[in-house]
Amino acid sequence: MLIHSYINEKAFAKSLNLKERYKTLKSRRDLLLSEDLNLAQLNKWIDKMFRSNKADFDFKLKMNEMTKEDFASLIEKIPESKEHLYIDELNEHVNLRVLEIGIELCESKPLSSEEDLGFIEFVRPFALYAAEMIDSSLKYRLNKIRYEHEEIKEMLVRSLVEELLNNAVRSLVLEFNIAKLREELVGETPEERFLSFVREKARNKENLIAFYEEYATLTRRLILRTEYFIQNVQMLLFRLNENWLQLQKEFQLQDVSLSEIKVGLGDTHQEGKTVVQLVFSSGKEFLYKPKSMEITKSYHAFLEWMNEVSGSIQLPSYKVLDFGEYGWEEKILYKPCSSKEEVERYYLRFGKLIGLMHMLKGADLHFENIIAHGEYPYIIDSETIFHHYPKLNFPDSAEVKLKYEQSDSVIGSGLLPQAMFQNIDGKGIDLSALNGKEQDLPFKVLALNQNSKDEMEFTMKEAKSQSAKNLPKLGVEEIYVEDYLTFIIDGFQEMCKFFIEYKEEILSERGPLIIFKENKIRIVARATQQYCNFLQESTHPDYMRDSILLEQLFERVWYYPYENKELVIHEIQDLLRADVPIFTTFTDSRDLYSSTGERMEDFFKESGYEQVYNRIYHFDDKELEKQRGWLKLAIQGNRDVDIKVGRKGEYRSELLENHQETILQEAINIGEALVENVVLSDDKTAASWLQANVIHDKWYVAPMKQNLYDGLGGVALFLLYLNKVTGNEKYLEVAHKALKSAMNPLSKAKGLLSTFLGKYSLLYPLAHFQSISPRKEYQDFLEEIKVELKERLKEEEEFDLLSGSAGVIQVALNLFEMTKDQDYLDLADMYSKHLVENVSILESGVAWKNKHTNSYLGGFSHGASGIAWSLWRSGIMNRNQEYIDLAKKAFAYDRSLFEKEESAWKDTRESEKKCLHQWCHGSTGIGLSRVLVRSYEEDVEMDEEIRVAVDNVRKYGFKNNDTLCHGNMGDTELLLAVSQLYGNKELYEQALQIGIQVINNYRETGSYQCDAPDDIQSFGMFVGIAGVGMQLLRLLQPNEIPSVMTLENVKG
C-alpha cells in the first residue's frame, strides 16, 4: 500500500498481465465481463498471435481455465472507471512502495545543478532504493571478509543501473524526441537541450511520476528487476559469509580482501538469478552459481575415474563446491600454448571431449562454454549433459530426418561447427566450440544511433559477434583447427574405443555412470537467442505502457512447433518477468520442470539416463566409424570456400573401343552412389542427401538444398534421365522422392527469382518431369510458381541467367513451347521488358549492373552474353525486334571485354582482370552463347568467336575440376554444342575423350574433382557428381539428353 497520494495507484492497473487480471475478473465477473464482446479484436488476436491455429489457442484457454468470452474481455483496455477494481491484485504483484521510497530518497538526496547523470536520473529512484538495501546487507550479511564498503556497494548498484537503463532507454529516447518535436527543449547547444529534457522530466517529481504512470508496464519491470537484484545480492552476500571458511581453504584465500563483485555474467533465470564473479586482492577469482552443482561434481568424478583407469585420457577437472541450491566454482583463465606440441595435445584432448560429450549426450556446448587453458580444453558448464530436446511437431520428411540424425550425431553437442540462426539468404553464424572468432552476425541488432546529445534514435545495424576464449593460440599466433584434424580424430577415436572396451564396467550396477543418477540438469528447449530477441523487443515503448500489448508480443512464442505446447505457458510467464526461460529435469526422470518448479509429468518418452545408457550399450566399431565420418564432415566442411580451378595437364587423345559402355556404366555408378547415400523420410515418400553446402562463402554440412544448381532439383533431374536411358525404375522412384523434398522444404523462404537457385529453380526440372513422368502435384506447383513470378517481378534486382530475369525468360519460353500456355509467353515478355527497363547504356554497348560486384559483367551465367541470348530468343518468340536489337548491343559490350593479347574475354569482377575459360565466367559460357544464337541465324563474327572459345578451351587443357560450372564436364558441352552446330565429328570425339579422361582420373584418385572440402563428396548438378553423370549421359546420347547448362528444353 502507498502512503502518499502523489502516485496514482490505479494508473498501474494496466501493468497487470492476463493471468493476474483474470483473478480479478473471476471475483468481479458481474462488473468486469463485457456485455458487448469485441469478437473482431479477439479474432484478430488469434489470427496474428496463433496464425489461425485454433488448437493452440484452445489449449491456452484450457491451461488457464478460461473461456473464450473471458479472454475477449481480458484483452480489452481497462477503462479508467474500472481501474480501482484491480487494486488488490495490483498490491499483490507490484510493490509500488519501491517507487515511492525511491522518489523520497531522490528528494532527500537532490543532485546539484552541476551534476548531469543523463538518462540515469530516470532510474535513480530505484538505484537509491537498492543502494539503501545493499548498504544494510553489506553491513549485516558480510562481516567475515575484508572489503571496501563503498566501492563494493557502488559496483553492485552500477550493475543494477545498467540493467534498468537497458529496459528503459528506448522509452526515454521516444519521450526525448517527442519533447523535441513539441519544441519543449531549451538551450543553444545539443548538450544544453538534452540537459533541459532531463531536468524538466526527471528532476521534476510530477513529470517523473507522470512518466512512470504513462509507462506502467516499464515501471513494474523496473520495480521487479530492482527487487530481484536486491534479493539475489542479499542471498549472495549471506552465502559468501556463511561459506567463507570453506572457500578460504578450497581456493587458498588467506589474508585477502574482496576487491570486485561482477554481477550478470550470463543470462538471468528464475527471478533474476545469474552467475557472479568474485575477485580478490591476491588476484584469485571464483564464480558463484545460484544452482545445484551436483552434475558438475559428478562429471568431474567421472573424468577422474576415466583418467585413472585409462592412464592416457588426461582430461582436466577443476574445483567445485556444491551446496545444493547453489555452488562455488574455480574460474578457469585463458592461457595460450607455449609450443606446437601443446597445441597438438590440446586438440587431441578436444577430440576426446567430443567423444565423451557424444557418449553423455552433451548439448549447447557453444564457444562460451569452453575455455582454452594451455594444452587443456575445459568445459565450464556441464549442466546440459544427459540432454534431450523437447519433441517438435515437424512433418515427416527426409530433410527433417537428416536434421534429427545430425542433431543426434557428434555434431549435436555444439562442440563442432554448424551454421546457426540462418537468415532468409541462408547466412548463419558458427557458435561452436571450434570457432570463437569475431564473425558478422546474420541479423541486424538494435543500436542507439546518436549524432549528438539531441539527435538520437534506435535503428537496426549490422554487427559482429564477440571473440571468445575457447581457441588456443601459439603465443600470440592464431591456430587453424583444420591443420590439427588428425589429432582431433585420434582423440575422438581413443575416447570412443575406451567406452567400447570398458562398456560392461561403465554400465554395471555399481559402475561409474551410476553417479549421475538423480542429478538435476538443464533442458535447452530452444535457442537462448530467441528468448533474448523477445526480451530486447519487449523494451520497445509500444509494449511498455500496457501489459496486454507486452503479452501479445510474447504470444508469438506459440509459433514454435513444440509437440507439447505446455512449455509455452511457462516460457511466457518467465518472459513477463524479463527472465530467460529455463527448464530442468533429473537425469533419470521423464518429467520436465518449469523455472518455478511446476512439473510436466511424463514429458519425455525416455529419461536422459536411459538414452545415455542405450547409446553406450549399442556403441560399437561400426557406430564409431559413422560418427567419425560426421566429425570429419563438420570440421572439413566448416571452412571458407576457396575453389581454385587450374590446369592439371594435357588432354589425352586415346579413346577406348568400348567407350559407350564405359560412359554408361560410370553414369550408372554415379546413380548407384546417389541411391546408396540417400536418406528417406519415415514414410519412404521423400528423399534427400547430406552434403557440404555453400552458405555465404563458407562450407556447412547440412541437408541438400532444394535448387537445380547444387540441390535436390538437379539430382532429381539426373536420376530422371538415368531412368530414361537405362529403364531402371529405382532411379525414377528416387527422383520423384527427391523432387517431393525439393517442393516441400522445411524453410519456405521464397528467395531469389532464379531458375538455378531457390524455389523457382524447380521450374526447369519440373518441366522435364511433366514431359517424361508427369504428376498432378507437379502441374499444381508449376502453376503456383507461375503466379508468384508474375507477382514478384517488381522485387527483381538480379538480371543474369544464373540469378535473375534472363533465366526466368528461358524456362518460361521452354514451358510455352511444351504447353502452348500463353501465360508462359507473357511471363517471358514481362521479364524481357524488365531487362529493357533496367539496362545501362554504355560506350561500348549495353549491360546490366551486377548488384554483388557493382560492375558490368560479361559472360554467360553472370553477365551480358547470357542476358543477350535470353533477349534474343524472347524477341524471336514474342516477335519483338526491340529485344533482339538490345541483345545485339549486349553482345557488343561482351565483345568489348575481349583481350587481343590473351585472345580471350576478361573477367571484370577483380581489379586484376583475368581471362577465364569456364561456363560461369569466360570462354566456355561465351562460346555457348554464340552457338545458341547461331542456331537461329548466320553470323560470321560469331563464328569467329566460337572458334576462339573452342581454341581457348583446348589450349587450356585438362582441369583439376570436373564440374559443369567451371570444370572439365562443362567444357565438353561447348565442344559438343559446336560439333552439333557445324557437324564437326572431331570436336564430338574430343568431348568424348575428355569424358573418358574424367572417368579414368576418378578411377586413379577415387573421387571426382568437385566443389567440396577434402574427402567430402558433392552430389549436386553444377558442382557435384550429378552434373558429371548428367553430362556423361549427354555425351552418350546428345540428341536425347538436353543440355542443362543452357537450360535446353525437353528433346523429342
Foldseek 3Di string as FASTA:
>chain_A
DDDDPLFPLLLLLLLDALLLVLVLCVVPVVPQQDPDFPVVVLVVLCCVLVVVPVVLVVVVCVVSVHDSSSVSSSLDDDDSVCSVSSNVSCVVQFPCVLVVQLVVVCVVVPDDPPDDPFPLLLLNSLLVSLLVLVLVLCVPQADPFAEDSVQASVQLSVVLSVVLCLLAVQVVLVVLVVCVVVVVFDDDDLVRRSRRCCCVQRVPVSNSSVSCSQLSNSVRLSRQLSVLSSVQVSVVSNVCRVCVVVCCVQQVQPPKHWYYKAPDPDFAFLSGFDKIWTAIPVRFIKIKHQAFCLLLVLVQVVVVVCCVVVVPLPADHFDKAGDHRIIMTGDDDAAAAADPVLVLLLLLNLLLVLQVQLLQVAAPQFQQQWAHHHSHIDRNDRQRTLEDEFDFDDDFFLQVVQVVVLCSFSVVNQQFFFFPPQDLLRHGDTRHLADQDKAWHNFWDWDWDDPDSSDIHIDTHTDIDHGHRRAHANVPHGDQCVVNLVSSLNSNVVNLVSLVVCVCQCLDPPHSVVSQFQDKHWYDHDDLVVLVVLLSVCSNSVCSRGVSSNLSSLSSVSVGRRPDCPVSVLCSVRVSSVGRWIKMDGQFAQWIATSVGDIDHNSDVGGSSVVSSVCSVPDDPVVSVVSSVSRCCRSLQFDFFDDDKAFDDFFDQDDDPPLLVVLLVVLVVLLVVCVVQWGGTPVRQAIWHWFFDDRPRGTRTRIAALFQAQGLLVLLLLLLVNCVVPVDCVSPRNSRRSNVCSQPDPDPNQDFCFLGDGNNVSLLSLQVCCVRPNDPVSVVSNVVSLVVLVVCVVVFPAQACGGGLLVLLLSLVLVCVVPVPVSSLVSNVVSLVVCVVQWDQDPQFIWHQGPVLRHAWAAQGRHLLVNLLSLCVSCVVVVNVVSNVNSVRSVRVQVVQQDPVVLWGWTPSDPPTDAAQWCQGILLVNLVSLLSVVVVDDDPVNVVSNVSSLVVVNVSRAMLACFLGGHLLVNLVSLVSVCVSVVPVVSLSSSSSSLVVQVVVCVVPVAGRFRGGPPTARSHCGGHDSVSSLSSVCSSPVQQRDDVSSSDHHHD
